[in-house]
Amino acid sequence: MWQGRRDRTGFREFAASRSGHLYRSACLLTSGDTHLAEDLVQETLGRMYLLWGRVSRIDNPAAYAQTVLVRAFLTHRRRRSAGERPVGEFPDRAGAAGGADPALRLTLLDALGRLAPKDRAVLVLRYWEDRSVEETAEAMNASSAAVRTRSSRALARLREQLGGSLAEFAGR
């Protein structure tokens, strides 16, 4: 009985400490769809709870949770009906980080939203999560070469989409 309480407490602490980071990553993966991001975080935490008794076998539970999040996102994208379309405008976001440029944020989220889901996942894992090629490959069930190729192509597409607007924001 005591062991079960300790596991639940440990999971609560883990969830409280990681949920914000998971949510921010999910928002990037979903191109700002906060509702879907919340659903993905809940699904991730639910899966982690089921594994929590065996978490001692996982070297890095935080990295494993990020992997679960990315896989949940990619699974969701495969299941999404052909009739669904992303919204054209992002909702207002209260409490944005001080000094953050909302126009830049919206431009980047919009550009990320126009990328294929796997391209978006590679960019988020590699450049937002600062994961290595090998870690990204493992999270996406792909080879390292595929991750390098997809990353290079996704960055090129992102640059094409942003065109001169990125230089406009960088000059501020």
C-alpha atoms as a PDB file:
ATOM      1  CA  MET A   1       0.000   0.000   0.000  1.00  0.00           C
ATOM      2  CA  TRP A   2       2.759   2.468   0.941  1.00  0.00           C
ATOM      3  CA  GLN A   3       4.581   1.756  -2.338  1.00  0.00           C
ATOM      4  CA  GLY A   4       1.429   2.692  -4.296  1.00  0.00           C
ATOM      5  CA  ARG A   5       1.131   6.030  -2.514  1.00  0.00           C
ATOM      6  CA  ARG A   6       4.794   6.780  -3.145  1.00  0.00           C
ATOM      7  CA  ASP A   7       4.341   5.990  -6.848  1.00  0.00           C
ATOM      8  CA  ARG A   8       1.312   8.266  -7.107  1.00  0.00           C
ATOM      9  CA  THR A   9       3.116  11.079  -5.316  1.00  0.00           C
ATOM     10  CA  GLY A  10       6.132  10.651  -7.556  1.00  0.00           C
ATOM     11  CA  PHE A  11       3.932  10.743 -10.630  1.00  0.00           C
ATOM     12  CA  ARG A  12       2.122  13.863  -9.411  1.00  0.00           C
ATOM     13  CA  GLU A  13       5.462  15.596  -8.898  1.00  0.00           C
ATOM     14  CA  PHE A  14       6.665  14.486 -12.326  1.00  0.00           C
ATOM     15  CA  ALA A  15       3.448  15.634 -14.014  1.00  0.00           C
ATOM     16  CA  ALA A  16       3.503  18.991 -12.229  1.00  0.00           C
ATOM     17  CA  SER A  17       7.112  19.639 -13.163  1.00  0.00           C
ATOM     18  CA  ARG A  18       6.871  18.499 -16.820  1.00  0.00           C
ATOM     19  CA  SER A  19       3.359  19.478 -17.920  1.00  0.00           C
ATOM     20  CA  GLY A  20       4.283  23.076 -18.785  1.00  0.00           C
ATOM     21  CA  HIS A  21       7.174  22.001 -20.981  1.00  0.00           C
ATOM     22  CA  LEU A  22       5.078  19.275 -22.596  1.00  0.00           C
ATOM     23  CA  TYR A  23       2.328  21.809 -23.295  1.00  0.00           C
ATOM     24  CA  ARG A  24       4.714  24.286 -24.937  1.00  0.00           C
ATOM     25  CA  SER A  25       6.118  21.528 -27.141  1.00  0.00           C
ATOM     26  CA  ALA A  26       2.617  20.350 -28.003  1.00  0.00           C
ATOM     27  CA  CYS A  27       1.616  23.902 -28.967  1.00  0.00           C
ATOM     28  CA  LEU A  28       4.521  24.029 -31.396  1.00  0.00           C
ATOM     29  CA  LEU A  29       3.692  20.611 -32.806  1.00  0.00           C
ATOM     30  CA  THR A  30       0.042  21.583 -33.317  1.00  0.00           C
ATOM     31  CA  SER A  31       0.864  25.038 -34.729  1.00  0.00           C
ATOM     32  CA  GLY A  32      -0.847  26.830 -31.902  1.00  0.00           C
ATOM     33  CA  ASP A  33      -3.950  24.626 -31.557  1.00  0.00           C
ATOM     34  CA  THR A  34      -4.134  24.923 -27.783  1.00  0.00           C
ATOM     35  CA  HIS A  35      -7.055  22.520 -27.431  1.00  0.00           C
ATOM     36  CA  LEU A  36      -5.291  19.752 -29.318  1.00  0.00           C
ATOM     37  CA  ALA A  37      -2.093  20.538 -27.398  1.00  0.00           C
ATOM     38  CA  GLU A  38      -3.949  20.052 -24.107  1.00  0.00           C
ATOM     39  CA  ASP A  39      -5.390  16.767 -25.379  1.00  0.00           C
ATOM     40  CA  LEU A  40      -1.942  15.532 -26.406  1.00  0.00           C
ATOM     41  CA  VAL A  41      -0.453  16.436 -23.017  1.00  0.00           C
ATOM     42  CA  GLN A  42      -3.299  14.634 -21.245  1.00  0.00           C
ATOM     43  CA  GLU A  43      -2.792  11.574 -23.437  1.00  0.00           C
ATOM     44  CA  THR A  44       0.949  11.674 -22.771  1.00  0.00           C
ATOM     45  CA  LEU A  45       0.505  11.970 -19.015  1.00  0.00           C
ATOM     46  CA  GLY A  46      -2.077   9.178 -19.090  1.00  0.00           C
ATOM     47  CA  ARG A  47       0.342   6.879 -20.874  1.00  0.00           C
ATOM     48  CA  MET A  48       3.136   7.853 -18.484  1.00  0.00           C
ATOM     49  CA  TYR A  49       0.881   7.088 -15.501  1.00  0.00           C
ATOM     50  CA  LEU A  50       0.269   3.600 -16.830  1.00  0.00           C
ATOM     51  CA  LEU A  51       4.035   3.070 -17.091  1.00  0.00           C
ATOM     52  CA  TRP A  52       4.916   4.812 -13.852  1.00  0.00           C
ATOM     53  CA  GLY A  53       5.345   1.604 -11.834  1.00  0.00           C
ATOM     54  CA  ARG A  54       8.039   0.552 -14.305  1.00  0.00           C
ATOM     55  CA  VAL A  55       9.597   4.026 -14.637  1.00  0.00           C
ATOM     56  CA  SER A  56      12.731   2.869 -12.818  1.00  0.00           C
ATOM     57  CA  ARG A  57      13.610   1.030 -16.036  1.00  0.00           C
ATOM     58  CA  ILE A  58      13.437   4.276 -18.027  1.00  0.00           C
ATOM     59  CA  ASP A  59      16.731   6.200 -17.962  1.00  0.00           C
ATOM     60  CA  ASN A  60      15.205   9.628 -18.522  1.00  0.00           C
ATOM     61  CA  PRO A  61      11.441   9.876 -17.840  1.00  0.00           C
ATOM     62  CA  ALA A  62      11.289  13.501 -19.093  1.00  0.00           C
ATOM     63  CA  ALA A  63      12.788  12.583 -22.465  1.00  0.00           C
ATOM     64  CA  TYR A  64      10.571   9.519 -22.644  1.00  0.00           C
ATOM     65  CA  ALA A  65       7.509  11.729 -22.031  1.00  0.00           C
ATOM     66  CA  GLN A  66       8.596  13.976 -24.929  1.00  0.00           C
ATOM     67  CA  THR A  67       8.890  10.892 -27.124  1.00  0.00           C
ATOM     68  CA  VAL A  68       5.401   9.775 -26.077  1.00  0.00           C
ATOM     69  CA  LEU A  69       4.100  13.267 -26.891  1.00  0.00           C
ATOM     70  CA  VAL A  70       5.611  13.295 -30.393  1.00  0.00           C
ATOM     71  CA  ARG A  71       4.324   9.816 -31.142  1.00  0.00           C
ATOM     72  CA  ALA A  72       0.839  10.766 -29.901  1.00  0.00           C
ATOM     73  CA  PHE A  73       0.933  13.823 -32.183  1.00  0.00           C
ATOM     74  CA  LEU A  74       2.012  11.803 -35.219  1.00  0.00           C
ATOM     75  CA  THR A  75      -0.645   9.162 -34.507  1.00  0.00           C
ATOM     76  CA  HIS A  76      -3.277  11.878 -34.216  1.00  0.00           C
ATOM     77  CA  ARG A  77      -2.195  13.392 -37.537  1.00  0.00           C
ATOM     78  CA  ARG A  78      -2.522  10.012 -39.267  1.00  0.00           C
ATOM     79  CA  ARG A  79      -6.026   9.527 -37.852  1.00  0.00           C
ATOM     80  CA  ARG A  80      -7.253  13.031 -38.615  1.00  0.00           C
ATOM     81  CA  SER A  81     -10.151  13.092 -41.032  1.00  0.00           C
ATOM     82  CA  ALA A  82      -9.596  14.572 -44.484  1.00  0.00           C
ATOM     83  CA  GLY A  83     -12.348  17.129 -43.815  1.00  0.00           C
ATOM     84  CA  GLU A  84     -10.584  18.880 -40.947  1.00  0.00           C
ATOM     85  CA  ARG A  85      -8.685  22.042 -41.708  1.00  0.00           C
ATOM     86  CA  PRO A  86      -6.600  24.258 -39.415  1.00  0.00           C
ATOM     87  CA  VAL A  87      -8.017  27.664 -38.526  1.00  0.00           C
ATOM     88  CA  GLY A  88      -6.710  30.742 -40.323  1.00  0.00           C
ATOM     89  CA  GLU A  89      -6.313  32.929 -37.248  1.00  0.00           C
ATOM     90  CA  PHE A  90      -4.814  32.239 -33.868  1.00  0.00           C
ATOM     91  CA  PRO A  91      -6.725  33.089 -30.698  1.00  0.00           C
ATOM     92  CA  ASP A  92      -5.487  35.886 -28.464  1.00  0.00           C
ATOM     93  CA  ARG A  93      -3.025  34.644 -25.907  1.00  0.00           C
ATOM     94  CA  ALA A  94      -3.007  36.342 -22.569  1.00  0.00           C
ATOM     95  CA  GLY A  95       0.129  36.233 -20.493  1.00  0.00           C
ATOM     96  CA  ALA A  96       2.666  35.925 -23.278  1.00  0.00           C
ATOM     97  CA  ALA A  97       6.256  36.008 -22.066  1.00  0.00           C
ATOM     98  CA  GLY A  98       7.562  39.487 -21.390  1.00  0.00           C
ATOM     99  CA  GLY A  99       9.546  40.902 -24.277  1.00  0.00           C
ATOM    100  CA  ALA A 100       8.201  38.272 -26.683  1.00  0.00           C
ATOM    101  CA  ASP A 101       7.152  39.597 -30.058  1.00  0.00           C
ATOM    102  CA  PRO A 102       3.587  38.395 -30.711  1.00  0.00           C
ATOM    103  CA  ALA A 103       3.826  39.103 -34.454  1.00  0.00           C
ATOM    104  CA  LEU A 104       6.967  36.981 -34.733  1.00  0.00           C
ATOM    105  CA  ARG A 105       5.385  34.199 -32.684  1.00  0.00           C
ATOM    106  CA  LEU A 106       2.271  34.135 -34.869  1.00  0.00           C
ATOM    107  CA  THR A 107       4.323  34.237 -38.060  1.00  0.00           C
ATOM    108  CA  LEU A 108       6.455  31.305 -36.927  1.00  0.00           C
ATOM    109  CA  LEU A 109       3.457  29.286 -35.708  1.00  0.00           C
ATOM    110  CA  ASP A 110       1.683  29.901 -39.009  1.00  0.00           C
ATOM    111  CA  ALA A 111       4.757  28.831 -40.987  1.00  0.00           C
ATOM    112  CA  LEU A 112       5.164  25.712 -38.814  1.00  0.00           C
ATOM    113  CA  GLY A 113       1.493  24.936 -39.377  1.00  0.00           C
ATOM    114  CA  ARG A 114       2.023  24.805 -43.132  1.00  0.00           C
ATOM    115  CA  LEU A 115       4.701  22.126 -42.801  1.00  0.00           C
ATOM    116  CA  ALA A 116       3.901  18.427 -42.898  1.00  0.00           C
ATOM    117  CA  PRO A 117       3.420  16.940 -39.411  1.00  0.00           C
ATOM    118  CA  LYS A 118       6.644  14.902 -39.550  1.00  0.00           C
ATOM    119  CA  ASP A 119       8.611  17.962 -40.723  1.00  0.00           C
ATOM    120  CA  ARG A 120       7.163  19.961 -37.850  1.00  0.00           C
ATOM    121  CA  ALA A 121       7.980  17.162 -35.380  1.00  0.00           C
ATOM    122  CA  VAL A 122      11.598  17.000 -36.580  1.00  0.00           C
ATOM    123  CA  LEU A 123      12.054  20.769 -36.215  1.00  0.00           C
ATOM    124  CA  VAL A 124      10.453  20.855 -32.761  1.00  0.00           C
ATOM    125  CA  LEU A 125      12.540  17.941 -31.498  1.00  0.00           C
ATOM    126  CA  ARG A 126      15.816  19.107 -33.030  1.00  0.00           C
ATOM    127  CA  TYR A 127      15.628  22.860 -32.432  1.00  0.00           C
ATOM    128  CA  TRP A 128      13.052  23.438 -29.676  1.00  0.00           C
ATOM    129  CA  GLU A 129      13.856  20.368 -27.597  1.00  0.00           C
ATOM    130  CA  ASP A 130      17.553  20.523 -28.599  1.00  0.00           C
ATOM    131  CA  ARG A 131      17.698  16.783 -29.182  1.00  0.00           C
ATOM    132  CA  SER A 132      20.414  15.053 -31.107  1.00  0.00           C
ATOM    133  CA  VAL A 133      19.770  13.463 -34.483  1.00  0.00           C
ATOM    134  CA  GLU A 134      19.869  10.027 -32.869  1.00  0.00           C
ATOM    135  CA  GLU A 135      17.400  10.966 -30.108  1.00  0.00           C
ATOM    136  CA  THR A 136      15.065  12.492 -32.684  1.00  0.00           C
ATOM    137  CA  ALA A 137      15.322   9.384 -34.846  1.00  0.00           C
ATOM    138  CA  GLU A 138      14.441   7.189 -31.887  1.00  0.00           C
ATOM    139  CA  ALA A 139      11.457   9.366 -30.939  1.00  0.00           C
ATOM    140  CA  MET A 140      10.124   9.266 -34.492  1.00  0.00           C
ATOM    141  CA  ASN A 141      10.933   5.620 -35.244  1.00  0.00           C
ATOM    142  CA  ALA A 142      13.125   6.700 -38.151  1.00  0.00           C
ATOM    143  CA  SER A 143      16.753   6.386 -39.158  1.00  0.00           C
ATOM    144  CA  SER A 144      19.316   9.092 -38.389  1.00  0.00           C
ATOM    145  CA  ALA A 145      19.761   9.697 -42.108  1.00  0.00           C
ATOM    146  CA  ALA A 146      16.010  10.219 -42.525  1.00  0.00           C
ATOM    147  CA  VAL A 147      16.009  12.742 -39.671  1.00  0.00           C
ATOM    148  CA  ARG A 148      18.942  14.679 -41.174  1.00  0.00           C
ATOM    149  CA  THR A 149      17.279  14.746 -44.598  1.00  0.00           C
ATOM    150  CA  ARG A 150      13.853  15.715 -43.230  1.00  0.00           C
ATOM    151  CA  SER A 151      15.398  18.378 -41.001  1.00  0.00           C
ATOM    152  CA  SER A 152      17.301  19.948 -43.882  1.00  0.00           C
ATOM    153  CA  ARG A 153      14.272  19.937 -46.170  1.00  0.00           C
ATOM    154  CA  ALA A 154      11.921  21.213 -43.456  1.00  0.00           C
ATOM    155  CA  LEU A 155      14.241  24.130 -42.670  1.00  0.00           C
ATOM    156  CA  ALA A 156      14.433  24.951 -46.395  1.00  0.00           C
ATOM    157  CA  ARG A 157      10.610  24.928 -46.635  1.00  0.00           C
ATOM    158  CA  LEU A 158      10.351  27.105 -43.544  1.00  0.00           C
ATOM    159  CA  ARG A 159      12.813  29.612 -45.028  1.00  0.00           C
ATOM    160  CA  GLU A 160      10.836  29.643 -48.303  1.00  0.00           C
ATOM    161  CA  GLN A 161       7.594  30.310 -46.443  1.00  0.00           C
ATOM    162  CA  LEU A 162       9.059  33.059 -44.305  1.00  0.00           C
ATOM    163  CA  GLY A 163      10.983  34.670 -47.149  1.00  0.00           C
ATOM    164  CA  GLY A 164      11.856  38.259 -46.321  1.00  0.00           C
ATOM    165  CA  SER A 165       9.526  38.388 -43.328  1.00  0.00           C
ATOM    166  CA  LEU A 166      12.105  36.658 -41.132  1.00  0.00           C
ATOM    167  CA  ALA A 167      14.703  39.312 -41.915  1.00  0.00           C
ATOM    168  CA  GLU A 168      12.080  41.953 -41.118  1.00  0.00           C
ATOM    169  CA  PHE A 169      11.568  40.492 -37.627  1.00  0.00           C
ATOM    170  CA  ALA A 170      15.288  39.862 -37.025  1.00  0.00           C
ATOM    171  CA  GLY A 171      16.091  43.525 -37.668  1.00  0.00           C
ATOM    172  CA  ARG A 172      13.937  44.744 -34.790  1.00  0.00           C
END
